[in-house]
Amino acid sequence: MLHLIFQSPIDTAILERIDSGDDVMFLENSTLHILQKGCLCDILTQMLKYNRLCVLGDDILVRGILADELVQGIEVIDYAELVRLTVKNPVIQSWS
């Protein structure tokens, strides 16, 4: 399953509903909450053991976030890779 997270701030209850093996895409203002110095750093670091966590490069760029400010292991991807994720995952859950 692919989870598209738009919610800002990100509710930890949403993160708890993500199963092992699911892909997670942080979009728009949710990108402000996936920083190394953020309160979700520990949770996201744990999730990276079992999930692929991604963010669009354009979303962090327009918010002035550098890739090295993100929780280590979160992948910065482009729109083409987002399309590949949507094709790979027949079920998509949007959280806004």
Protein backbone atom coordinates (compact mmCIF):
# COMPACT_ATOMS: atom_id res chain seq x y z
CA MET A 1 0.00 0.00 0.00
CA LEU A 2 1.11 3.55 -0.68
CA HIS A 3 0.31 6.19 1.93
CA LEU A 4 0.20 9.80 0.73
CA ILE A 5 0.58 12.05 3.76
CA PHE A 6 -0.41 15.69 3.32
CA GLN A 7 -1.42 16.31 6.93
CA SER A 8 0.40 19.02 8.86
CA PRO A 9 1.16 18.43 11.62
CA ILE A 10 1.36 14.67 11.15
CA ASP A 11 -0.81 12.75 13.61
CA THR A 12 1.12 9.83 15.13
CA ALA A 13 -2.09 7.77 14.95
CA ILE A 14 -1.73 7.85 11.16
CA LEU A 15 1.85 6.59 11.33
CA GLU A 16 0.73 3.76 13.61
CA ARG A 17 -1.70 2.55 10.91
CA ILE A 18 1.07 2.02 8.37
CA ASP A 19 1.95 -1.66 7.98
CA SER A 20 5.40 -3.11 7.55
CA GLY A 21 6.32 -3.09 3.86
CA ASP A 22 4.09 -0.13 2.97
CA ASP A 23 5.50 2.83 1.07
CA VAL A 24 5.00 6.30 2.52
CA MET A 25 5.10 9.58 0.61
CA PHE A 26 5.25 12.90 2.47
CA LEU A 27 3.79 15.76 0.41
CA GLU A 28 3.22 19.49 0.73
CA ASN A 29 3.41 20.83 4.32
CA SER A 30 3.88 17.39 5.87
CA THR A 31 7.50 17.79 4.76
CA LEU A 32 7.96 20.33 7.56
CA HIS A 33 7.58 17.52 10.12
CA ILE A 34 10.10 14.99 8.84
CA LEU A 35 13.22 16.83 9.94
CA GLN A 36 16.03 15.33 12.02
CA LYS A 37 15.35 17.86 14.76
CA GLY A 38 11.60 17.26 14.70
CA CYS A 39 9.48 15.48 17.29
CA LEU A 40 8.79 12.57 14.88
CA CYS A 41 12.46 11.75 14.29
CA ASP A 42 12.49 8.63 16.50
CA ILE A 43 9.23 7.26 15.09
CA LEU A 44 10.32 7.83 11.49
CA THR A 45 13.73 6.27 12.15
CA GLN A 46 11.98 3.14 13.46
CA MET A 47 9.64 3.08 10.46
CA LEU A 48 12.60 3.14 8.08
CA LYS A 49 13.48 -0.39 9.20
CA TYR A 50 10.26 -1.72 7.62
CA ASN A 51 9.01 0.96 5.22
CA ARG A 52 10.19 3.08 2.35
CA LEU A 53 9.71 6.75 3.27
CA CYS A 54 9.91 9.34 0.50
CA VAL A 55 9.48 13.04 -0.10
CA LEU A 56 9.30 15.02 -3.33
CA GLY A 57 12.40 17.07 -3.99
CA ASP A 58 10.25 19.95 -5.25
CA ASP A 59 8.24 20.00 -1.99
CA ILE A 60 11.31 20.42 0.20
CA LEU A 61 12.89 22.87 -2.24
CA VAL A 62 9.98 25.33 -2.14
CA ARG A 63 9.98 25.15 1.68
CA GLY A 64 13.70 25.86 1.95
CA ILE A 65 14.51 22.43 3.40
CA LEU A 66 17.80 20.76 2.52
CA ALA A 67 17.93 16.99 2.03
CA ASP A 68 20.48 16.64 4.83
CA GLU A 69 17.99 18.21 7.27
CA LEU A 70 15.57 15.30 6.80
CA VAL A 71 15.51 12.24 9.01
CA GLN A 72 18.37 10.14 7.70
CA GLY A 73 17.06 7.46 5.34
CA ILE A 74 14.09 9.36 3.92
CA GLU A 75 14.46 9.31 0.14
CA VAL A 76 14.15 12.48 -1.91
CA ILE A 77 12.46 11.50 -5.17
CA ASP A 78 11.08 13.18 -8.29
CA TYR A 79 7.65 13.01 -9.92
CA ALA A 80 8.66 10.11 -12.17
CA GLU A 81 9.49 7.99 -9.11
CA LEU A 82 6.18 9.02 -7.49
CA VAL A 83 4.40 7.72 -10.59
CA ARG A 84 6.34 4.43 -10.28
CA LEU A 85 5.20 4.16 -6.64
CA THR A 86 1.57 4.65 -7.64
CA VAL A 87 1.88 1.95 -10.31
CA LYS A 88 3.62 -0.44 -7.90
CA ASN A 89 0.94 -0.02 -5.21
CA PRO A 90 -2.60 -0.90 -6.35
CA VAL A 91 -4.00 0.45 -3.06
CA ILE A 92 -3.37 4.10 -2.16
CA GLN A 93 -4.46 5.79 1.08
CA SER A 94 -4.44 9.58 1.20
CA TRP A 95 -4.13 11.31 4.59
CA SER A 96 -4.93 15.01 4.58
